Amino acid sequence: MAEIAVRKDVLIIEEIRHEGGPPASQPLKKGAILTVIANPFAGAYAPDIAGFMDDLKPLGVAMAMKLIDALGGDPKAIQGYGKGAIVGVAGEIEHGALWHVPGGYAMREALGGALAIVPSTKKVGAAGARLDVPITHVDASYVRSHFDAMEVGVPDAPRPDELAYVLVMTTGGRVHARIGGLTPEGITVRDGQR
């Protein structure tokens, strides 16, 4: 088991009251946590990297818990989520893909068993690179009101030999969602895809 060398955590919290229409009765909260770590595979091709996913699992859980706390502390209040990774330029996109299992399952666990697949994105980029992290409903991917994204980044990360792993959560759908479709109240097939 490899030790995860964390350089920094960055928390971003947005409170959205309106998007040009009437103010919401309760602001939508969107939050992201980015954790910048050393990339143990930077600078050379390594054929066997999958074991690092197990090493990342405790980091994923810790990040998910910090983000829930920053959004008010109630896992039941979280309605949307997503994840992502920015890989420093001495790494490769596959090092970002290592976050799929530890990031996704950490959020599902912290939220008490959320059912929907956690949408994800990743890229290789220089320090200051921005990433649009997709968001969907935690229990049903087709809830249109929760189709969203959050732009994140860290001014000095990732350095070439670093990874910036990201988790995003929201307390609801878009403030002025009104395009129809499946609603959270209408979820009946709890298979995570509908």
N, C-alpha and C. Protein backbone atom coordinates (compact mmCIF):
# COMPACT_ATOMS: atom_id res chain seq x y z
N MET A 1 0.84 -1.18 0.00
CA MET A 1 0.00 0.00 0.00
C MET A 1 0.89 1.25 0.00
N ALA A 2 0.69 2.09 -1.00
CA ALA A 2 1.48 3.31 -1.12
C ALA A 2 0.91 4.41 -0.22
N GLU A 3 1.79 5.21 0.31
CA GLU A 3 1.37 6.35 1.11
C GLU A 3 0.98 7.47 0.16
N ILE A 4 -0.14 8.13 0.45
CA ILE A 4 -0.61 9.24 -0.37
C ILE A 4 0.02 10.52 0.18
N ALA A 5 0.79 11.21 -0.65
CA ALA A 5 1.48 12.45 -0.24
C ALA A 5 0.62 13.64 -0.65
N VAL A 6 -0.15 14.17 0.30
CA VAL A 6 -1.06 15.29 0.04
C VAL A 6 -0.30 16.61 0.22
N ARG A 7 -0.42 17.49 -0.78
CA ARG A 7 0.15 18.83 -0.65
C ARG A 7 -0.88 19.82 -0.13
N LYS A 8 -2.11 19.75 -0.63
CA LYS A 8 -3.11 20.69 -0.15
C LYS A 8 -4.52 20.21 -0.50
N ASP A 9 -5.48 20.71 0.29
CA ASP A 9 -6.91 20.57 0.01
C ASP A 9 -7.45 21.95 -0.29
N VAL A 10 -8.37 22.03 -1.23
CA VAL A 10 -9.06 23.28 -1.54
C VAL A 10 -10.55 23.01 -1.49
N LEU A 11 -11.28 23.79 -0.71
CA LEU A 11 -12.74 23.70 -0.63
C LEU A 11 -13.34 24.92 -1.31
N ILE A 12 -14.34 24.69 -2.15
CA ILE A 12 -15.07 25.77 -2.81
C ILE A 12 -16.55 25.57 -2.51
N ILE A 13 -17.19 26.59 -1.97
CA ILE A 13 -18.62 26.52 -1.70
C ILE A 13 -19.31 27.70 -2.38
N GLU A 14 -20.32 27.40 -3.18
CA GLU A 14 -21.15 28.42 -3.81
C GLU A 14 -22.54 28.36 -3.19
N GLU A 15 -23.16 29.52 -2.98
CA GLU A 15 -24.58 29.60 -2.61
C GLU A 15 -25.26 30.41 -3.70
N ILE A 16 -26.14 29.75 -4.44
CA ILE A 16 -26.79 30.37 -5.59
C ILE A 16 -28.22 30.71 -5.21
N ARG A 17 -28.52 32.00 -5.21
CA ARG A 17 -29.84 32.47 -4.81
C ARG A 17 -30.79 32.60 -5.99
N HIS A 18 -30.29 32.98 -7.15
CA HIS A 18 -31.11 33.05 -8.37
C HIS A 18 -30.18 33.08 -9.58
N GLU A 19 -30.78 32.86 -10.74
CA GLU A 19 -30.04 32.91 -12.01
C GLU A 19 -30.74 33.90 -12.93
N GLY A 20 -31.24 34.98 -12.35
CA GLY A 20 -31.94 35.99 -13.13
C GLY A 20 -33.43 35.97 -12.92
N GLY A 21 -33.96 34.90 -12.36
CA GLY A 21 -35.39 34.81 -12.06
C GLY A 21 -35.64 35.14 -10.60
N PRO A 22 -36.77 34.73 -10.08
CA PRO A 22 -37.08 35.03 -8.68
C PRO A 22 -36.12 34.31 -7.74
N PRO A 23 -35.79 34.95 -6.60
CA PRO A 23 -34.90 34.29 -5.63
C PRO A 23 -35.50 32.97 -5.14
N ALA A 24 -34.67 31.99 -4.96
CA ALA A 24 -35.10 30.69 -4.43
C ALA A 24 -35.45 30.84 -2.96
N SER A 25 -36.38 30.05 -2.48
CA SER A 25 -36.74 30.09 -1.06
C SER A 25 -35.56 29.67 -0.20
N GLN A 26 -34.73 28.81 -0.74
CA GLN A 26 -33.51 28.38 -0.05
C GLN A 26 -32.40 28.30 -1.09
N PRO A 27 -31.26 28.95 -0.85
CA PRO A 27 -30.19 28.93 -1.86
C PRO A 27 -29.70 27.51 -2.15
N LEU A 28 -29.37 27.28 -3.41
CA LEU A 28 -28.71 26.04 -3.81
C LEU A 28 -27.25 26.13 -3.38
N LYS A 29 -26.76 25.11 -2.74
CA LYS A 29 -25.34 25.05 -2.39
C LYS A 29 -24.66 24.04 -3.31
N LYS A 30 -23.55 24.50 -3.90
CA LYS A 30 -22.68 23.62 -4.69
C LYS A 30 -21.32 23.67 -4.03
N GLY A 31 -20.73 22.52 -3.84
CA GLY A 31 -19.42 22.48 -3.21
C GLY A 31 -18.48 21.54 -3.93
N ALA A 32 -17.21 21.87 -3.84
CA ALA A 32 -16.17 21.02 -4.42
C ALA A 32 -15.01 20.94 -3.45
N ILE A 33 -14.39 19.79 -3.40
CA ILE A 33 -13.12 19.63 -2.71
C ILE A 33 -12.13 19.09 -3.71
N LEU A 34 -10.97 19.72 -3.76
CA LEU A 34 -9.87 19.28 -4.61
C LEU A 34 -8.72 18.94 -3.68
N THR A 35 -8.16 17.78 -3.86
CA THR A 35 -6.99 17.38 -3.08
C THR A 35 -5.84 17.15 -4.05
N VAL A 36 -4.75 17.85 -3.79
CA VAL A 36 -3.57 17.79 -4.65
C VAL A 36 -2.56 16.84 -4.02
N ILE A 37 -2.19 15.81 -4.76
CA ILE A 37 -1.27 14.79 -4.25
C ILE A 37 -0.12 14.58 -5.23
N ALA A 38 0.94 13.99 -4.73
CA ALA A 38 2.05 13.58 -5.59
C ALA A 38 1.58 12.43 -6.48
N ASN A 39 1.97 12.47 -7.73
CA ASN A 39 1.66 11.40 -8.67
C ASN A 39 2.82 10.40 -8.67
N PRO A 40 2.63 9.22 -8.08
CA PRO A 40 3.73 8.26 -8.00
C PRO A 40 4.15 7.68 -9.35
N PHE A 41 3.35 7.95 -10.39
CA PHE A 41 3.65 7.39 -11.72
C PHE A 41 4.15 8.45 -12.70
N ALA A 42 4.34 9.67 -12.23
CA ALA A 42 4.73 10.76 -13.13
C ALA A 42 6.11 10.49 -13.74
N GLY A 43 6.25 10.84 -14.99
CA GLY A 43 7.56 10.82 -15.64
C GLY A 43 7.95 9.54 -16.32
N ALA A 44 7.19 8.46 -16.12
CA ALA A 44 7.53 7.19 -16.76
C ALA A 44 6.28 6.34 -16.89
N TYR A 45 6.26 5.50 -17.91
CA TYR A 45 5.13 4.60 -18.09
C TYR A 45 5.24 3.44 -17.11
N ALA A 46 4.17 3.20 -16.36
CA ALA A 46 4.11 2.05 -15.45
C ALA A 46 2.99 1.13 -15.93
N PRO A 47 3.29 -0.12 -16.25
CA PRO A 47 2.26 -1.00 -16.79
C PRO A 47 1.20 -1.42 -15.76
N ASP A 48 1.55 -1.44 -14.48
CA ASP A 48 0.62 -1.93 -13.46
C ASP A 48 0.33 -0.81 -12.47
N ILE A 49 -0.81 -0.15 -12.64
CA ILE A 49 -1.15 0.98 -11.77
C ILE A 49 -2.45 0.76 -10.99
N ALA A 50 -3.20 -0.28 -11.33
CA ALA A 50 -4.54 -0.47 -10.77
C ALA A 50 -4.56 -0.58 -9.25
N GLY A 51 -3.51 -1.10 -8.64
CA GLY A 51 -3.48 -1.24 -7.19
C GLY A 51 -3.55 0.08 -6.45
N PHE A 52 -3.17 1.17 -7.12
CA PHE A 52 -3.21 2.49 -6.49
C PHE A 52 -4.64 2.91 -6.15
N MET A 53 -5.63 2.33 -6.84
CA MET A 53 -7.02 2.65 -6.52
C MET A 53 -7.34 2.27 -5.08
N ASP A 54 -6.85 1.14 -4.61
CA ASP A 54 -7.09 0.76 -3.21
C ASP A 54 -6.41 1.73 -2.26
N ASP A 55 -5.23 2.21 -2.63
CA ASP A 55 -4.53 3.18 -1.79
C ASP A 55 -5.31 4.49 -1.69
N LEU A 56 -6.06 4.83 -2.73
CA LEU A 56 -6.80 6.09 -2.77
C LEU A 56 -8.14 6.05 -2.02
N LYS A 57 -8.63 4.87 -1.69
CA LYS A 57 -9.95 4.76 -1.06
C LYS A 57 -10.08 5.57 0.23
N PRO A 58 -9.13 5.51 1.17
CA PRO A 58 -9.27 6.33 2.38
C PRO A 58 -9.28 7.83 2.08
N LEU A 59 -8.52 8.25 1.08
CA LEU A 59 -8.53 9.65 0.68
C LEU A 59 -9.91 10.05 0.17
N GLY A 60 -10.51 9.22 -0.65
CA GLY A 60 -11.85 9.49 -1.15
C GLY A 60 -12.87 9.66 -0.05
N VAL A 61 -12.84 8.77 0.93
CA VAL A 61 -13.79 8.86 2.05
C VAL A 61 -13.56 10.14 2.85
N ALA A 62 -12.30 10.45 3.13
CA ALA A 62 -11.99 11.66 3.90
C ALA A 62 -12.46 12.90 3.14
N MET A 63 -12.24 12.95 1.83
CA MET A 63 -12.68 14.09 1.03
C MET A 63 -14.19 14.21 1.04
N ALA A 64 -14.89 13.09 0.86
CA ALA A 64 -16.36 13.11 0.86
C ALA A 64 -16.90 13.63 2.18
N MET A 65 -16.34 13.19 3.28
CA MET A 65 -16.82 13.64 4.60
C MET A 65 -16.56 15.13 4.81
N LYS A 66 -15.38 15.62 4.40
CA LYS A 66 -15.08 17.06 4.51
C LYS A 66 -16.06 17.89 3.70
N LEU A 67 -16.39 17.40 2.50
CA LEU A 67 -17.30 18.15 1.64
C LEU A 67 -18.72 18.17 2.21
N ILE A 68 -19.18 17.04 2.71
CA ILE A 68 -20.50 17.01 3.35
C ILE A 68 -20.54 17.98 4.53
N ASP A 69 -19.50 17.98 5.35
CA ASP A 69 -19.44 18.91 6.48
C ASP A 69 -19.50 20.35 6.00
N ALA A 70 -18.78 20.67 4.93
CA ALA A 70 -18.75 22.04 4.42
C ALA A 70 -20.10 22.47 3.84
N LEU A 71 -20.90 21.49 3.43
CA LEU A 71 -22.23 21.78 2.89
C LEU A 71 -23.32 21.70 3.96
N GLY A 72 -22.95 21.65 5.22
CA GLY A 72 -23.94 21.67 6.29
C GLY A 72 -23.95 20.44 7.17
N GLY A 73 -23.28 19.38 6.77
CA GLY A 73 -23.13 18.22 7.63
C GLY A 73 -24.19 17.14 7.52
N ASP A 74 -25.23 17.34 6.73
CA ASP A 74 -26.31 16.36 6.63
C ASP A 74 -26.23 15.62 5.29
N PRO A 75 -25.81 14.35 5.30
CA PRO A 75 -25.73 13.61 4.03
C PRO A 75 -27.06 13.53 3.29
N LYS A 76 -28.18 13.57 4.02
CA LYS A 76 -29.49 13.48 3.38
C LYS A 76 -29.83 14.74 2.59
N ALA A 77 -29.12 15.84 2.85
CA ALA A 77 -29.36 17.09 2.12
C ALA A 77 -28.68 17.11 0.76
N ILE A 78 -27.80 16.16 0.49
CA ILE A 78 -27.06 16.15 -0.77
C ILE A 78 -27.91 15.46 -1.84
N GLN A 79 -28.12 16.17 -2.95
CA GLN A 79 -28.96 15.65 -4.03
C GLN A 79 -28.20 15.41 -5.33
N GLY A 80 -27.04 16.03 -5.50
CA GLY A 80 -26.30 15.88 -6.74
C GLY A 80 -24.83 15.64 -6.48
N TYR A 81 -24.14 14.98 -7.44
CA TYR A 81 -22.72 14.76 -7.28
C TYR A 81 -22.00 14.52 -8.59
N GLY A 82 -20.68 14.63 -8.52
CA GLY A 82 -19.81 14.38 -9.66
C GLY A 82 -18.37 14.29 -9.18
N LYS A 83 -17.48 13.89 -10.07
CA LYS A 83 -16.08 13.75 -9.69
C LYS A 83 -15.19 14.05 -10.89
N GLY A 84 -13.91 14.28 -10.61
CA GLY A 84 -13.00 14.55 -11.71
C GLY A 84 -11.56 14.50 -11.27
N ALA A 85 -10.67 14.70 -12.24
CA ALA A 85 -9.23 14.69 -11.96
C ALA A 85 -8.51 15.56 -12.97
N ILE A 86 -7.53 16.29 -12.48
CA ILE A 86 -6.60 17.01 -13.35
C ILE A 86 -5.23 16.40 -13.10
N VAL A 87 -4.63 15.90 -14.17
CA VAL A 87 -3.33 15.24 -14.08
C VAL A 87 -2.26 16.22 -14.54
N GLY A 88 -1.20 16.37 -13.75
CA GLY A 88 -0.08 17.20 -14.16
C GLY A 88 0.56 16.67 -15.43
N VAL A 89 1.27 17.54 -16.15
CA VAL A 89 1.74 17.21 -17.49
C VAL A 89 2.82 16.13 -17.56
N ALA A 90 3.39 15.74 -16.45
CA ALA A 90 4.33 14.61 -16.46
C ALA A 90 3.60 13.28 -16.24
N GLY A 91 2.27 13.35 -16.12
CA GLY A 91 1.46 12.15 -15.96
C GLY A 91 0.66 11.87 -17.22
N GLU A 92 -0.25 10.91 -17.14
CA GLU A 92 -1.09 10.54 -18.27
C GLU A 92 -2.54 10.44 -17.82
N ILE A 93 -3.44 10.52 -18.77
CA ILE A 93 -4.87 10.54 -18.48
C ILE A 93 -5.29 9.33 -17.63
N GLU A 94 -4.61 8.20 -17.80
CA GLU A 94 -4.97 7.00 -17.03
C GLU A 94 -4.76 7.19 -15.53
N HIS A 95 -3.87 8.09 -15.16
CA HIS A 95 -3.66 8.38 -13.74
C HIS A 95 -4.88 9.11 -13.17
N GLY A 96 -5.57 9.85 -14.00
CA GLY A 96 -6.83 10.46 -13.58
C GLY A 96 -7.94 9.43 -13.47
N ALA A 97 -7.92 8.44 -14.37
CA ALA A 97 -8.93 7.38 -14.35
C ALA A 97 -8.86 6.54 -13.08
N LEU A 98 -7.72 6.54 -12.42
CA LEU A 98 -7.60 5.81 -11.14
C LEU A 98 -8.59 6.31 -10.10
N TRP A 99 -9.15 7.51 -10.29
CA TRP A 99 -10.06 8.12 -9.32
C TRP A 99 -11.49 7.60 -9.46
N HIS A 100 -11.81 6.91 -10.55
CA HIS A 100 -13.20 6.49 -10.78
C HIS A 100 -13.75 5.68 -9.60
N VAL A 101 -13.08 4.65 -9.21
CA VAL A 101 -13.61 3.79 -8.13
C VAL A 101 -13.50 4.46 -6.76
N PRO A 102 -12.32 4.91 -6.33
CA PRO A 102 -12.24 5.46 -4.98
C PRO A 102 -13.05 6.74 -4.78
N GLY A 103 -13.13 7.58 -5.80
CA GLY A 103 -13.92 8.81 -5.67
C GLY A 103 -15.41 8.54 -5.67
N GLY A 104 -15.86 7.72 -6.60
CA GLY A 104 -17.29 7.44 -6.72
C GLY A 104 -17.85 6.66 -5.55
N TYR A 105 -17.19 5.58 -5.20
CA TYR A 105 -17.71 4.77 -4.10
C TYR A 105 -17.60 5.48 -2.77
N ALA A 106 -16.62 6.35 -2.61
CA ALA A 106 -16.51 7.12 -1.37
C ALA A 106 -17.74 8.00 -1.17
N MET A 107 -18.16 8.69 -2.24
CA MET A 107 -19.35 9.54 -2.10
C MET A 107 -20.60 8.71 -1.87
N ARG A 108 -20.75 7.61 -2.60
CA ARG A 108 -21.93 6.77 -2.39
C ARG A 108 -21.99 6.27 -0.94
N GLU A 109 -20.84 5.85 -0.41
CA GLU A 109 -20.78 5.36 0.97
C GLU A 109 -21.11 6.48 1.96
N ALA A 110 -20.49 7.64 1.79
CA ALA A 110 -20.70 8.76 2.71
C ALA A 110 -22.14 9.25 2.68
N LEU A 111 -22.81 9.07 1.54
CA LEU A 111 -24.20 9.53 1.41
C LEU A 111 -25.20 8.44 1.77
N GLY A 112 -24.73 7.32 2.27
CA GLY A 112 -25.64 6.27 2.73
C GLY A 112 -26.13 5.37 1.63
N GLY A 113 -25.39 5.24 0.55
CA GLY A 113 -25.77 4.29 -0.49
C GLY A 113 -26.43 4.92 -1.69
N ALA A 114 -26.03 6.11 -2.11
CA ALA A 114 -26.57 6.71 -3.32
C ALA A 114 -26.46 5.72 -4.47
N LEU A 115 -27.44 5.75 -5.38
CA LEU A 115 -27.56 4.69 -6.38
C LEU A 115 -27.03 5.02 -7.77
N ALA A 116 -27.03 6.28 -8.15
CA ALA A 116 -26.67 6.62 -9.53
C ALA A 116 -25.17 6.56 -9.74
N ILE A 117 -24.80 6.24 -10.97
CA ILE A 117 -23.40 6.30 -11.33
C ILE A 117 -22.94 7.74 -11.13
N VAL A 118 -21.71 7.91 -10.68
CA VAL A 118 -21.18 9.25 -10.44
C VAL A 118 -20.55 9.74 -11.74
N PRO A 119 -21.10 10.82 -12.34
CA PRO A 119 -20.50 11.30 -13.58
C PRO A 119 -19.09 11.81 -13.33
N SER A 120 -18.28 11.78 -14.37
CA SER A 120 -16.87 12.06 -14.17
C SER A 120 -16.25 12.70 -15.40
N THR A 121 -15.15 13.40 -15.17
CA THR A 121 -14.32 13.93 -16.24
C THR A 121 -12.88 14.00 -15.77
N LYS A 122 -11.97 14.05 -16.72
CA LYS A 122 -10.55 14.14 -16.37
C LYS A 122 -9.80 14.73 -17.53
N LYS A 123 -8.64 15.29 -17.22
CA LYS A 123 -7.79 15.86 -18.26
C LYS A 123 -6.37 15.96 -17.76
N VAL A 124 -5.44 16.10 -18.68
CA VAL A 124 -4.06 16.43 -18.35
C VAL A 124 -3.93 17.93 -18.55
N GLY A 125 -3.33 18.62 -17.57
CA GLY A 125 -3.22 20.06 -17.68
C GLY A 125 -2.12 20.62 -16.80
N ALA A 126 -1.74 21.85 -17.09
CA ALA A 126 -0.72 22.55 -16.32
C ALA A 126 -1.34 23.18 -15.08
N ALA A 127 -0.49 23.68 -14.19
CA ALA A 127 -0.98 24.36 -12.99
C ALA A 127 -1.96 25.45 -13.40
N GLY A 128 -3.08 25.51 -12.68
CA GLY A 128 -4.12 26.49 -12.97
C GLY A 128 -5.18 26.00 -13.94
N ALA A 129 -5.02 24.81 -14.49
CA ALA A 129 -6.02 24.27 -15.42
C ALA A 129 -7.37 24.21 -14.74
N ARG A 130 -8.41 24.46 -15.50
CA ARG A 130 -9.78 24.42 -15.00
C ARG A 130 -10.45 23.15 -15.51
N LEU A 131 -11.42 22.65 -14.74
CA LEU A 131 -12.12 21.43 -15.09
C LEU A 131 -13.60 21.65 -14.84
N ASP A 132 -14.45 21.34 -15.82
CA ASP A 132 -15.90 21.36 -15.63
C ASP A 132 -16.33 19.97 -15.20
N VAL A 133 -16.75 19.84 -13.95
CA VAL A 133 -17.14 18.54 -13.39
C VAL A 133 -18.65 18.37 -13.57
N PRO A 134 -19.08 17.32 -14.28
CA PRO A 134 -20.51 17.09 -14.48
C PRO A 134 -21.19 16.65 -13.19
N ILE A 135 -22.47 16.99 -13.08
CA ILE A 135 -23.26 16.68 -11.89
C ILE A 135 -24.57 16.05 -12.33
N THR A 136 -24.99 14.99 -11.63
CA THR A 136 -26.34 14.42 -11.81
C THR A 136 -26.91 14.09 -10.43
N HIS A 137 -28.19 13.73 -10.42
CA HIS A 137 -28.87 13.36 -9.18
C HIS A 137 -28.23 12.11 -8.58
N VAL A 138 -28.18 12.05 -7.25
CA VAL A 138 -27.49 10.95 -6.57
C VAL A 138 -28.19 9.60 -6.69
N ASP A 139 -29.49 9.59 -6.97
CA ASP A 139 -30.21 8.32 -7.03
C ASP A 139 -30.76 7.95 -8.40
N ALA A 140 -30.80 8.90 -9.31
CA ALA A 140 -31.35 8.61 -10.63
C ALA A 140 -30.72 9.55 -11.65
N SER A 141 -29.98 9.00 -12.56
CA SER A 141 -29.20 9.80 -13.49
C SER A 141 -30.04 10.63 -14.45
N TYR A 142 -31.31 10.30 -14.65
CA TYR A 142 -32.12 11.00 -15.63
C TYR A 142 -32.98 12.12 -15.04
N VAL A 143 -32.71 12.56 -13.84
CA VAL A 143 -33.44 13.69 -13.26
C VAL A 143 -32.87 14.96 -13.88
N ARG A 144 -33.60 15.55 -14.84
CA ARG A 144 -33.09 16.66 -15.64
C ARG A 144 -32.74 17.89 -14.83
N SER A 145 -33.50 18.15 -13.77
CA SER A 145 -33.26 19.36 -12.97
C SER A 145 -31.87 19.37 -12.34
N HIS A 146 -31.25 18.21 -12.26
CA HIS A 146 -29.94 18.09 -11.60
C HIS A 146 -28.79 17.95 -12.60
N PHE A 147 -29.08 18.02 -13.91
CA PHE A 147 -28.00 18.04 -14.91
C PHE A 147 -27.29 19.37 -14.76
N ASP A 148 -26.05 19.35 -14.35
CA ASP A 148 -25.34 20.59 -14.05
C ASP A 148 -23.84 20.32 -14.16
N ALA A 149 -23.07 21.31 -13.81
CA ALA A 149 -21.62 21.19 -13.77
C ALA A 149 -21.07 22.25 -12.83
N MET A 150 -19.86 22.04 -12.36
CA MET A 150 -19.17 23.03 -11.53
C MET A 150 -17.75 23.14 -12.04
N GLU A 151 -17.33 24.37 -12.32
CA GLU A 151 -15.97 24.60 -12.77
C GLU A 151 -15.06 24.72 -11.56
N VAL A 152 -13.95 24.00 -11.59
CA VAL A 152 -13.01 24.00 -10.46
C VAL A 152 -11.57 24.11 -10.97
N GLY A 153 -10.69 24.47 -10.08
CA GLY A 153 -9.27 24.51 -10.39
C GLY A 153 -8.50 25.05 -9.20
N VAL A 154 -7.19 24.92 -9.26
CA VAL A 154 -6.30 25.40 -8.21
C VAL A 154 -5.20 26.21 -8.90
N PRO A 155 -4.98 27.47 -8.51
CA PRO A 155 -4.01 28.30 -9.22
C PRO A 155 -2.61 27.69 -9.37
N ASP A 156 -2.14 26.96 -8.36
CA ASP A 156 -0.77 26.43 -8.43
C ASP A 156 -0.73 24.91 -8.54
N ALA A 157 -1.78 24.33 -9.08
CA ALA A 157 -1.83 22.87 -9.18
C ALA A 157 -2.67 22.46 -10.39
N PRO A 158 -2.39 21.26 -10.90
CA PRO A 158 -1.32 20.37 -10.47
C PRO A 158 0.03 20.76 -11.08
N ARG A 159 1.06 20.62 -10.28
CA ARG A 159 2.41 20.73 -10.81
C ARG A 159 2.65 19.51 -11.70
N PRO A 160 3.69 19.49 -12.51
CA PRO A 160 3.86 18.39 -13.46
C PRO A 160 3.78 17.00 -12.84
N ASP A 161 4.28 16.83 -11.63
CA ASP A 161 4.30 15.52 -10.99
C ASP A 161 3.21 15.35 -9.94
N GLU A 162 2.08 16.04 -10.15
CA GLU A 162 0.97 15.97 -9.18
C GLU A 162 -0.33 15.54 -9.87
N LEU A 163 -1.28 15.20 -9.02
CA LEU A 163 -2.66 14.91 -9.41
C LEU A 163 -3.56 15.79 -8.55
N ALA A 164 -4.61 16.33 -9.14
CA ALA A 164 -5.65 17.03 -8.38
C ALA A 164 -6.93 16.24 -8.54
N TYR A 165 -7.33 15.56 -7.47
CA TYR A 165 -8.57 14.79 -7.51
C TYR A 165 -9.70 15.63 -6.95
N VAL A 166 -10.90 15.48 -7.53
CA VAL A 166 -12.02 16.37 -7.25
C VAL A 166 -13.28 15.58 -6.92
N LEU A 167 -14.02 16.06 -5.91
CA LEU A 167 -15.39 15.61 -5.64
C LEU A 167 -16.28 16.85 -5.62
N VAL A 168 -17.49 16.73 -6.16
CA VAL A 168 -18.46 17.82 -6.18
C VAL A 168 -19.79 17.29 -5.66
N MET A 169 -20.48 18.11 -4.86
CA MET A 169 -21.81 17.77 -4.37
C MET A 169 -22.69 19.01 -4.40
N THR A 170 -24.00 18.80 -4.53
CA THR A 170 -24.96 19.91 -4.47
C THR A 170 -26.12 19.54 -3.56
N THR A 171 -26.83 20.57 -3.10
CA THR A 171 -28.00 20.35 -2.24
C THR A 171 -29.30 20.37 -3.03
N GLY A 172 -29.22 20.44 -4.34
CA GLY A 172 -30.44 20.43 -5.15
C GLY A 172 -30.12 20.55 -6.61
N GLY A 173 -31.17 20.74 -7.39
CA GLY A 173 -31.02 20.93 -8.82
C GLY A 173 -30.79 22.40 -9.13
N ARG A 174 -30.76 22.72 -10.41
CA ARG A 174 -30.58 24.11 -10.82
C ARG A 174 -31.68 24.98 -10.22
N VAL A 175 -31.35 26.20 -9.84
CA VAL A 175 -32.29 27.07 -9.12
C VAL A 175 -33.58 27.28 -9.91
N HIS A 176 -33.50 27.49 -11.21
CA HIS A 176 -34.69 27.76 -12.01
C HIS A 176 -34.99 26.63 -12.98
N ALA A 177 -34.74 25.39 -12.58
CA ALA A 177 -34.99 24.23 -13.44
C ALA A 177 -36.47 24.19 -13.81
N ARG A 178 -36.73 24.08 -15.13
CA ARG A 178 -38.13 24.07 -15.58
C ARG A 178 -38.27 23.45 -16.97
N ILE A 179 -37.48 22.40 -17.24
CA ILE A 179 -37.56 21.78 -18.57
C ILE A 179 -38.24 20.41 -18.54
N GLY A 180 -38.91 20.09 -17.42
CA GLY A 180 -39.68 18.86 -17.36
C GLY A 180 -38.83 17.63 -17.13
N GLY A 181 -39.43 16.49 -17.41
CA GLY A 181 -38.75 15.21 -17.24
C GLY A 181 -38.92 14.65 -15.84
N LEU A 182 -38.20 13.62 -15.56
CA LEU A 182 -38.24 12.94 -14.27
C LEU A 182 -37.85 13.90 -13.16
N THR A 183 -38.62 13.91 -12.08
CA THR A 183 -38.32 14.74 -10.92
C THR A 183 -37.84 13.86 -9.77
N PRO A 184 -37.15 14.44 -8.78
CA PRO A 184 -36.75 13.62 -7.62
C PRO A 184 -37.93 12.92 -6.96
N GLU A 185 -39.07 13.59 -6.91
CA GLU A 185 -40.26 13.00 -6.29
C GLU A 185 -40.82 11.85 -7.13
N GLY A 186 -40.51 11.83 -8.42
CA GLY A 186 -41.05 10.81 -9.32
C GLY A 186 -40.17 9.59 -9.48
N ILE A 187 -39.08 9.52 -8.79
CA ILE A 187 -38.17 8.36 -8.93
C ILE A 187 -38.87 7.13 -8.39
N THR A 188 -39.09 6.15 -9.25
CA THR A 188 -39.69 4.89 -8.82
C THR A 188 -38.79 3.71 -9.11
N VAL A 189 -38.03 3.78 -10.19
CA VAL A 189 -37.10 2.72 -10.52
C VAL A 189 -35.75 3.13 -9.99
N ARG A 190 -35.41 2.65 -8.79
CA ARG A 190 -34.20 3.12 -8.11
C ARG A 190 -33.00 2.27 -8.51
N ASP A 191 -32.75 2.29 -9.83
CA ASP A 191 -31.64 1.49 -10.33
C ASP A 191 -30.43 2.34 -10.66
N GLY A 192 -30.51 3.64 -10.34
CA GLY A 192 -29.38 4.51 -10.59
C GLY A 192 -29.26 4.99 -12.02
N GLN A 193 -30.07 4.48 -12.91
CA GLN A 193 -29.99 4.87 -14.32
C GLN A 193 -31.22 5.63 -14.79
N ARG A 194 -32.29 5.57 -14.07
CA ARG A 194 -33.54 6.21 -14.50
C ARG A 194 -33.94 7.29 -13.54
